[in-house]
Amino acid sequence: MAVDQLRQNGIEGPYALAIDTARYTAIVSTTEHGGYPLMDHLAGSSIGYHHHDAEQVHLYLEESFTFKVAEPDAAVALT
């Protein structure tokens, strides 16, 4: 519905999503219960090596984004 609202306001994509940790967790959990893999839409994470020991390799995930509102109609609050 948010994308429809943006299009009605004359804002064409590409579109991005900025959300808090709780909503991110909710989106990720939907894929565990047979939902559409929304992680494909949220891709952009980088994985890196942190350290290892005799039993495990420790990696980290890093995500970054730049959010710029081109005009007031280019943002939609999801409630």
N, C-alpha and C. Protein backbone atom coordinates (compact mmCIF):
# COMPACT_ATOMS: atom_id res chain seq x y z
N MET A 1 0.82 -1.20 0.00
CA MET A 1 0.00 0.00 0.00
C MET A 1 0.86 1.25 0.00
N ALA A 2 2.02 1.18 0.67
CA ALA A 2 2.91 2.35 0.70
C ALA A 2 3.45 2.65 -0.69
N VAL A 3 3.82 1.61 -1.44
CA VAL A 3 4.32 1.82 -2.81
C VAL A 3 3.22 2.42 -3.67
N ASP A 4 1.98 1.95 -3.51
CA ASP A 4 0.86 2.54 -4.26
C ASP A 4 0.71 4.01 -3.94
N GLN A 5 0.84 4.36 -2.66
CA GLN A 5 0.72 5.77 -2.27
C GLN A 5 1.84 6.60 -2.89
N LEU A 6 3.06 6.07 -2.89
CA LEU A 6 4.17 6.79 -3.51
C LEU A 6 3.91 7.00 -5.00
N ARG A 7 3.46 5.96 -5.68
CA ARG A 7 3.17 6.09 -7.12
C ARG A 7 2.08 7.11 -7.38
N GLN A 8 1.03 7.11 -6.55
CA GLN A 8 -0.04 8.10 -6.70
C GLN A 8 0.48 9.52 -6.50
N ASN A 9 1.52 9.67 -5.68
CA ASN A 9 2.13 10.97 -5.45
C ASN A 9 3.14 11.33 -6.54
N GLY A 10 3.29 10.45 -7.54
CA GLY A 10 4.21 10.70 -8.64
C GLY A 10 5.65 10.33 -8.35
N ILE A 11 5.87 9.52 -7.31
CA ILE A 11 7.22 9.11 -6.94
C ILE A 11 7.47 7.71 -7.49
N GLU A 12 8.36 7.61 -8.47
CA GLU A 12 8.72 6.31 -9.03
C GLU A 12 9.93 5.75 -8.30
N GLY A 13 10.10 4.45 -8.32
CA GLY A 13 11.19 3.78 -7.62
C GLY A 13 12.54 4.14 -8.18
N PRO A 14 13.58 3.58 -7.66
CA PRO A 14 13.55 2.46 -6.72
C PRO A 14 13.13 2.92 -5.33
N TYR A 15 12.58 1.99 -4.56
CA TYR A 15 12.11 2.27 -3.22
C TYR A 15 13.00 1.56 -2.21
N ALA A 16 13.03 2.08 -0.99
CA ALA A 16 13.82 1.47 0.09
C ALA A 16 12.95 1.46 1.35
N LEU A 17 13.38 0.67 2.32
CA LEU A 17 12.64 0.53 3.56
C LEU A 17 13.59 0.77 4.72
N ALA A 18 13.23 1.68 5.62
CA ALA A 18 13.99 1.94 6.85
C ALA A 18 13.10 1.59 8.03
N ILE A 19 13.52 0.61 8.83
CA ILE A 19 12.70 0.13 9.94
C ILE A 19 13.54 -0.10 11.18
N ASP A 20 12.86 -0.21 12.32
CA ASP A 20 13.56 -0.48 13.57
C ASP A 20 13.82 -1.97 13.75
N THR A 21 14.55 -2.31 14.80
CA THR A 21 14.97 -3.68 15.05
C THR A 21 13.78 -4.63 15.23
N ALA A 22 12.78 -4.20 15.96
CA ALA A 22 11.62 -5.08 16.22
C ALA A 22 10.89 -5.42 14.92
N ARG A 23 10.68 -4.44 14.07
CA ARG A 23 10.00 -4.72 12.81
C ARG A 23 10.87 -5.56 11.88
N TYR A 24 12.17 -5.33 11.89
CA TYR A 24 13.09 -6.14 11.10
C TYR A 24 12.99 -7.61 11.53
N THR A 25 12.97 -7.85 12.84
CA THR A 25 12.84 -9.21 13.36
C THR A 25 11.51 -9.82 12.93
N ALA A 26 10.44 -9.04 12.97
CA ALA A 26 9.14 -9.54 12.53
C ALA A 26 9.15 -9.93 11.06
N ILE A 27 9.81 -9.15 10.23
CA ILE A 27 9.89 -9.47 8.81
C ILE A 27 10.68 -10.75 8.59
N VAL A 28 11.81 -10.86 9.27
CA VAL A 28 12.65 -12.05 9.12
C VAL A 28 11.89 -13.29 9.58
N SER A 29 11.12 -13.18 10.66
CA SER A 29 10.42 -14.35 11.20
C SER A 29 9.32 -14.83 10.27
N THR A 30 8.80 -13.99 9.38
CA THR A 30 7.75 -14.45 8.47
C THR A 30 8.27 -15.50 7.52
N THR A 31 9.53 -15.46 7.17
CA THR A 31 10.07 -16.45 6.25
C THR A 31 10.20 -17.82 6.92
N GLU A 32 10.28 -17.83 8.25
CA GLU A 32 10.40 -19.09 8.97
C GLU A 32 9.08 -19.84 9.03
N HIS A 33 7.98 -19.18 8.73
CA HIS A 33 6.66 -19.80 8.80
C HIS A 33 6.03 -19.91 7.41
N GLY A 34 6.84 -20.01 6.38
CA GLY A 34 6.34 -20.20 5.04
C GLY A 34 5.98 -18.93 4.30
N GLY A 35 6.32 -17.79 4.83
CA GLY A 35 6.01 -16.53 4.17
C GLY A 35 6.94 -16.25 3.00
N TYR A 36 6.60 -15.25 2.21
CA TYR A 36 7.45 -14.84 1.09
C TYR A 36 8.79 -14.36 1.64
N PRO A 37 9.89 -14.74 1.01
CA PRO A 37 11.21 -14.37 1.54
C PRO A 37 11.50 -12.87 1.42
N LEU A 38 10.99 -12.11 2.36
CA LEU A 38 11.16 -10.66 2.33
C LEU A 38 12.61 -10.24 2.46
N MET A 39 13.46 -11.12 2.98
CA MET A 39 14.88 -10.78 3.08
C MET A 39 15.47 -10.44 1.72
N ASP A 40 14.88 -11.01 0.66
CA ASP A 40 15.36 -10.67 -0.69
C ASP A 40 15.20 -9.18 -0.96
N HIS A 41 14.14 -8.59 -0.40
CA HIS A 41 13.90 -7.16 -0.59
C HIS A 41 14.78 -6.30 0.31
N LEU A 42 15.30 -6.90 1.35
CA LEU A 42 16.10 -6.16 2.31
C LEU A 42 17.58 -6.45 2.17
N ALA A 43 17.96 -7.09 1.09
CA ALA A 43 19.36 -7.48 0.89
C ALA A 43 20.26 -6.25 0.88
N GLY A 44 21.51 -6.45 1.12
CA GLY A 44 22.47 -5.37 1.15
C GLY A 44 23.42 -5.56 2.33
N SER A 45 23.26 -6.68 3.05
CA SER A 45 24.16 -6.93 4.19
C SER A 45 25.51 -7.40 3.68
N SER A 46 26.56 -7.05 4.42
CA SER A 46 27.90 -7.55 4.15
C SER A 46 28.30 -8.43 5.31
N ILE A 47 28.99 -9.50 5.01
CA ILE A 47 29.46 -10.41 6.05
C ILE A 47 30.97 -10.30 6.13
N GLY A 48 31.50 -10.35 7.33
CA GLY A 48 32.94 -10.22 7.50
C GLY A 48 33.47 -11.18 8.56
N TYR A 49 34.74 -11.41 8.51
CA TYR A 49 35.42 -12.29 9.47
C TYR A 49 35.79 -11.48 10.70
N HIS A 50 35.49 -12.00 11.89
CA HIS A 50 35.86 -11.34 13.13
C HIS A 50 37.04 -12.05 13.77
N HIS A 51 36.88 -13.33 14.07
CA HIS A 51 37.97 -14.14 14.62
C HIS A 51 37.55 -15.60 14.63
N HIS A 52 38.45 -16.46 15.00
CA HIS A 52 38.12 -17.87 15.13
C HIS A 52 38.86 -18.47 16.31
N ASP A 53 38.36 -19.61 16.76
CA ASP A 53 39.06 -20.38 17.78
C ASP A 53 39.11 -21.82 17.29
N ALA A 54 39.42 -22.75 18.16
CA ALA A 54 39.58 -24.15 17.74
C ALA A 54 38.27 -24.78 17.27
N GLU A 55 37.13 -24.22 17.70
CA GLU A 55 35.85 -24.85 17.38
C GLU A 55 34.93 -24.02 16.49
N GLN A 56 35.10 -22.70 16.49
CA GLN A 56 34.16 -21.86 15.76
C GLN A 56 34.84 -20.73 15.01
N VAL A 57 34.18 -20.33 13.94
CA VAL A 57 34.57 -19.12 13.22
C VAL A 57 33.50 -18.08 13.53
N HIS A 58 33.91 -16.90 13.95
CA HIS A 58 32.98 -15.83 14.32
C HIS A 58 32.95 -14.79 13.21
N LEU A 59 31.76 -14.59 12.67
CA LEU A 59 31.56 -13.63 11.59
C LEU A 59 30.68 -12.50 12.09
N TYR A 60 30.57 -11.44 11.31
CA TYR A 60 29.67 -10.35 11.66
C TYR A 60 28.92 -9.91 10.42
N LEU A 61 27.76 -9.33 10.64
CA LEU A 61 26.97 -8.74 9.56
C LEU A 61 27.00 -7.23 9.71
N GLU A 62 27.10 -6.56 8.60
CA GLU A 62 27.12 -5.11 8.62
C GLU A 62 26.18 -4.61 7.54
N GLU A 63 25.31 -3.69 7.90
CA GLU A 63 24.39 -3.10 6.95
C GLU A 63 24.52 -1.59 6.98
N SER A 64 24.38 -1.00 5.85
CA SER A 64 24.42 0.45 5.79
C SER A 64 23.45 0.92 4.71
N PHE A 65 22.98 2.12 4.88
CA PHE A 65 22.11 2.71 3.88
C PHE A 65 22.16 4.23 4.02
N THR A 66 21.76 4.88 2.97
CA THR A 66 21.61 6.32 2.99
C THR A 66 20.17 6.62 2.67
N PHE A 67 19.55 7.42 3.50
CA PHE A 67 18.15 7.76 3.30
C PHE A 67 18.05 9.25 3.04
N LYS A 68 17.53 9.60 1.90
CA LYS A 68 17.36 11.00 1.55
C LYS A 68 15.96 11.17 0.99
N VAL A 69 15.21 12.05 1.59
CA VAL A 69 13.86 12.34 1.10
C VAL A 69 13.97 13.46 0.07
N ALA A 70 13.63 13.14 -1.16
CA ALA A 70 13.74 14.11 -2.24
C ALA A 70 12.67 15.19 -2.14
N GLU A 71 11.53 14.84 -1.61
CA GLU A 71 10.43 15.77 -1.42
C GLU A 71 9.49 15.17 -0.39
N PRO A 72 8.63 15.95 0.23
CA PRO A 72 7.76 15.43 1.30
C PRO A 72 6.90 14.24 0.88
N ASP A 73 6.44 14.21 -0.36
CA ASP A 73 5.60 13.10 -0.82
C ASP A 73 6.39 11.81 -1.06
N ALA A 74 7.71 11.87 -0.92
CA ALA A 74 8.55 10.70 -1.19
C ALA A 74 8.76 9.81 0.04
N ALA A 75 8.07 10.09 1.13
CA ALA A 75 8.18 9.25 2.33
C ALA A 75 6.79 8.87 2.80
N VAL A 76 6.67 7.62 3.24
CA VAL A 76 5.40 7.12 3.76
C VAL A 76 5.66 6.50 5.11
N ALA A 77 4.94 6.96 6.15
CA ALA A 77 5.07 6.37 7.48
C ALA A 77 4.20 5.13 7.55
N LEU A 78 4.79 4.01 7.94
CA LEU A 78 4.05 2.77 8.11
C LEU A 78 3.59 2.68 9.55
N THR A 79 2.30 2.61 9.76
CA THR A 79 1.78 2.56 11.13
C THR A 79 1.06 1.26 11.39
